[in-house]
């Protein structure tokens, strides 16, 4: 019982000292607002990788995805209900090309 009381008092002391410390976050927020939240479109497109749309895949690429997915019965069933792109992505991850 004495150990429990000591632990509670120590945790209370740590909580009180950490709550009394000033929060450095508002200064960082003010600095971010001064720098600006927006970037140029060229800079943003260089940083963020664009995802490939399903329409950009050729018929041969779709067929190869279908062949991979047909080896797995669950993937094949999902392919029939949700489409090849959704099924391949769910079972094998992002499309390699």
C-alpha atoms as a PDB file:
ATOM      1  CA  UNK A   1       0.000   0.000   0.000  1.00  0.00           C
ATOM      2  CA  UNK A   2       2.853   2.357   0.819  1.00  0.00           C
ATOM      3  CA  UNK A   3       4.364   1.691  -2.613  1.00  0.00           C
ATOM      4  CA  UNK A   4       1.101   2.617  -4.295  1.00  0.00           C
ATOM      5  CA  UNK A   5       0.897   5.915  -2.413  1.00  0.00           C
ATOM      6  CA  UNK A   6       4.510   6.752  -3.322  1.00  0.00           C
ATOM      7  CA  UNK A   7       3.858   5.996  -6.997  1.00  0.00           C
ATOM      8  CA  UNK A   8       0.718   8.138  -7.021  1.00  0.00           C
ATOM      9  CA  UNK A   9       2.504  11.046  -5.357  1.00  0.00           C
ATOM     10  CA  UNK A  10       5.453  10.799  -7.768  1.00  0.00           C
ATOM     11  CA  UNK A  11       3.176  10.719 -10.801  1.00  0.00           C
ATOM     12  CA  UNK A  12       1.245  13.693  -9.429  1.00  0.00           C
ATOM     13  CA  UNK A  13       4.493  15.620  -8.953  1.00  0.00           C
ATOM     14  CA  UNK A  14       5.585  14.834 -12.520  1.00  0.00           C
ATOM     15  CA  UNK A  15       2.206  15.895 -13.862  1.00  0.00           C
ATOM     16  CA  UNK A  16       2.237  19.168 -11.974  1.00  0.00           C
ATOM     17  CA  UNK A  17       5.765  20.077 -13.089  1.00  0.00           C
ATOM     18  CA  UNK A  18       5.043  19.233 -16.706  1.00  0.00           C
ATOM     19  CA  UNK A  19       1.769  21.193 -16.664  1.00  0.00           C
ATOM     20  CA  UNK A  20       3.574  24.270 -15.313  1.00  0.00           C
ATOM     21  CA  UNK A  21       6.077  24.295 -18.190  1.00  0.00           C
ATOM     22  CA  UNK A  22       5.212  26.743 -20.992  1.00  0.00           C
ATOM     23  CA  UNK A  23       4.006  25.230 -24.237  1.00  0.00           C
ATOM     24  CA  UNK A  24       6.440  25.939 -27.106  1.00  0.00           C
ATOM     25  CA  UNK A  25       3.804  25.085 -29.743  1.00  0.00           C
ATOM     26  CA  UNK A  26       2.203  28.574 -30.156  1.00  0.00           C
ATOM     27  CA  UNK A  27       5.535  30.078 -31.197  1.00  0.00           C
ATOM     28  CA  UNK A  28       5.929  27.395 -33.867  1.00  0.00           C
ATOM     29  CA  UNK A  29       2.402  28.060 -35.139  1.00  0.00           C
ATOM     30  CA  UNK A  30       3.055  31.784 -35.409  1.00  0.00           C
ATOM     31  CA  UNK A  31       6.265  31.105 -37.312  1.00  0.00           C
ATOM     32  CA  UNK A  32       4.449  28.796 -39.742  1.00  0.00           C
ATOM     33  CA  UNK A  33       1.857  31.494 -40.433  1.00  0.00           C
ATOM     34  CA  UNK A  34       4.570  34.037 -41.120  1.00  0.00           C
ATOM     35  CA  UNK A  35       6.320  31.713 -43.586  1.00  0.00           C
ATOM     36  CA  UNK A  36       3.091  30.969 -45.401  1.00  0.00           C
ATOM     37  CA  UNK A  37       1.008  27.871 -45.730  1.00  0.00           C
ATOM     38  CA  UNK A  38       0.868  27.757 -49.489  1.00  0.00           C
ATOM     39  CA  UNK A  39       3.541  26.775 -51.985  1.00  0.00           C
ATOM     40  CA  UNK A  40       3.779  27.159 -55.719  1.00  0.00           C
ATOM     41  CA  UNK A  41       2.215  24.431 -57.859  1.00  0.00           C
ATOM     42  CA  UNK A  42       5.575  23.456 -59.384  1.00  0.00           C
ATOM     43  CA  UNK A  43       7.143  23.002 -55.955  1.00  0.00           C
ATOM     44  CA  UNK A  44       4.178  21.008 -54.629  1.00  0.00           C
ATOM     45  CA  UNK A  45       4.109  18.646 -57.603  1.00  0.00           C
ATOM     46  CA  UNK A  46       7.832  17.996 -57.194  1.00  0.00           C
ATOM     47  CA  UNK A  47       7.324  17.017 -53.550  1.00  0.00           C
ATOM     48  CA  UNK A  48       4.087  15.045 -53.849  1.00  0.00           C
ATOM     49  CA  UNK A  49       4.110  12.003 -56.123  1.00  0.00           C
ATOM     50  CA  UNK A  50       1.056  11.860 -58.324  1.00  0.00           C
ATOM     51  CA  UNK A  51      -0.944   8.633 -58.296  1.00  0.00           C
ATOM     52  CA  UNK A  52      -1.555   6.882 -61.551  1.00  0.00           C
ATOM     53  CA  UNK A  53      -5.173   6.653 -62.633  1.00  0.00           C
ATOM     54  CA  UNK A  54      -6.683   3.388 -63.846  1.00  0.00           C
ATOM     55  CA  UNK A  55      -7.323   4.855 -67.292  1.00  0.00           C
ATOM     56  CA  UNK A  56      -3.579   5.245 -67.869  1.00  0.00           C
ATOM     57  CA  UNK A  57      -2.959   1.478 -67.795  1.00  0.00           C
ATOM     58  CA  UNK A  58      -2.800  -0.281 -71.142  1.00  0.00           C
ATOM     59  CA  UNK A  59      -4.759  -3.431 -71.926  1.00  0.00           C
ATOM     60  CA  UNK A  60      -1.584  -5.526 -71.661  1.00  0.00           C
ATOM     61  CA  UNK A  61      -0.861  -4.113 -68.200  1.00  0.00           C
ATOM     62  CA  UNK A  62      -4.419  -4.788 -67.045  1.00  0.00           C
ATOM     63  CA  UNK A  63      -4.176  -8.332 -68.403  1.00  0.00           C
ATOM     64  CA  UNK A  64      -0.962  -8.978 -66.500  1.00  0.00           C
ATOM     65  CA  UNK A  65      -2.602  -7.734 -63.293  1.00  0.00           C
ATOM     66  CA  UNK A  66      -5.524 -10.040 -63.988  1.00  0.00           C
ATOM     67  CA  UNK A  67      -3.214 -13.037 -64.455  1.00  0.00           C
ATOM     68  CA  UNK A  68      -1.520 -12.378 -61.116  1.00  0.00           C
ATOM     69  CA  UNK A  69      -4.854 -11.969 -59.359  1.00  0.00           C
ATOM     70  CA  UNK A  70      -6.330 -15.165 -60.860  1.00  0.00           C
ATOM     71  CA  UNK A  71      -3.815 -17.254 -58.910  1.00  0.00           C
ATOM     72  CA  UNK A  72      -5.503 -16.242 -55.639  1.00  0.00           C
ATOM     73  CA  UNK A  73      -9.164 -17.270 -55.299  1.00  0.00           C
ATOM     74  CA  UNK A  74     -10.041 -14.445 -52.901  1.00  0.00           C
ATOM     75  CA  UNK A  75      -8.407 -11.885 -55.186  1.00  0.00           C
ATOM     76  CA  UNK A  76     -10.224 -13.362 -58.184  1.00  0.00           C
ATOM     77  CA  UNK A  77     -13.574 -13.088 -56.402  1.00  0.00           C
ATOM     78  CA  UNK A  78     -12.849  -9.481 -55.425  1.00  0.00           C
ATOM     79  CA  UNK A  79     -11.765  -8.802 -59.007  1.00  0.00           C
ATOM     80  CA  UNK A  80     -15.171  -9.966 -60.225  1.00  0.00           C
ATOM     81  CA  UNK A  81     -17.074  -7.784 -57.754  1.00  0.00           C
ATOM     82  CA  UNK A  82     -14.898  -4.659 -57.278  1.00  0.00           C
ATOM     83  CA  UNK A  83     -12.644  -4.573 -60.320  1.00  0.00           C
ATOM     84  CA  UNK A  84      -9.070  -5.551 -61.080  1.00  0.00           C
ATOM     85  CA  UNK A  85      -7.432  -2.368 -59.737  1.00  0.00           C
ATOM     86  CA  UNK A  86      -9.114  -2.609 -56.323  1.00  0.00           C
ATOM     87  CA  UNK A  87      -8.464  -6.351 -56.023  1.00  0.00           C
ATOM     88  CA  UNK A  88      -4.800  -6.174 -57.026  1.00  0.00           C
ATOM     89  CA  UNK A  89      -4.162  -3.233 -54.716  1.00  0.00           C
ATOM     90  CA  UNK A  90      -5.883  -4.942 -51.773  1.00  0.00           C
ATOM     91  CA  UNK A  91      -3.957  -8.218 -52.081  1.00  0.00           C
ATOM     92  CA  UNK A  92      -0.627  -7.257 -53.611  1.00  0.00           C
ATOM     93  CA  UNK A  93      -0.133  -3.562 -52.806  1.00  0.00           C
ATOM     94  CA  UNK A  94       0.368  -0.661 -55.208  1.00  0.00           C
ATOM     95  CA  UNK A  95       0.501  -1.311 -58.926  1.00  0.00           C
ATOM     96  CA  UNK A  96       4.159  -1.586 -60.001  1.00  0.00           C
ATOM     97  CA  UNK A  97       3.774   0.339 -63.265  1.00  0.00           C
END
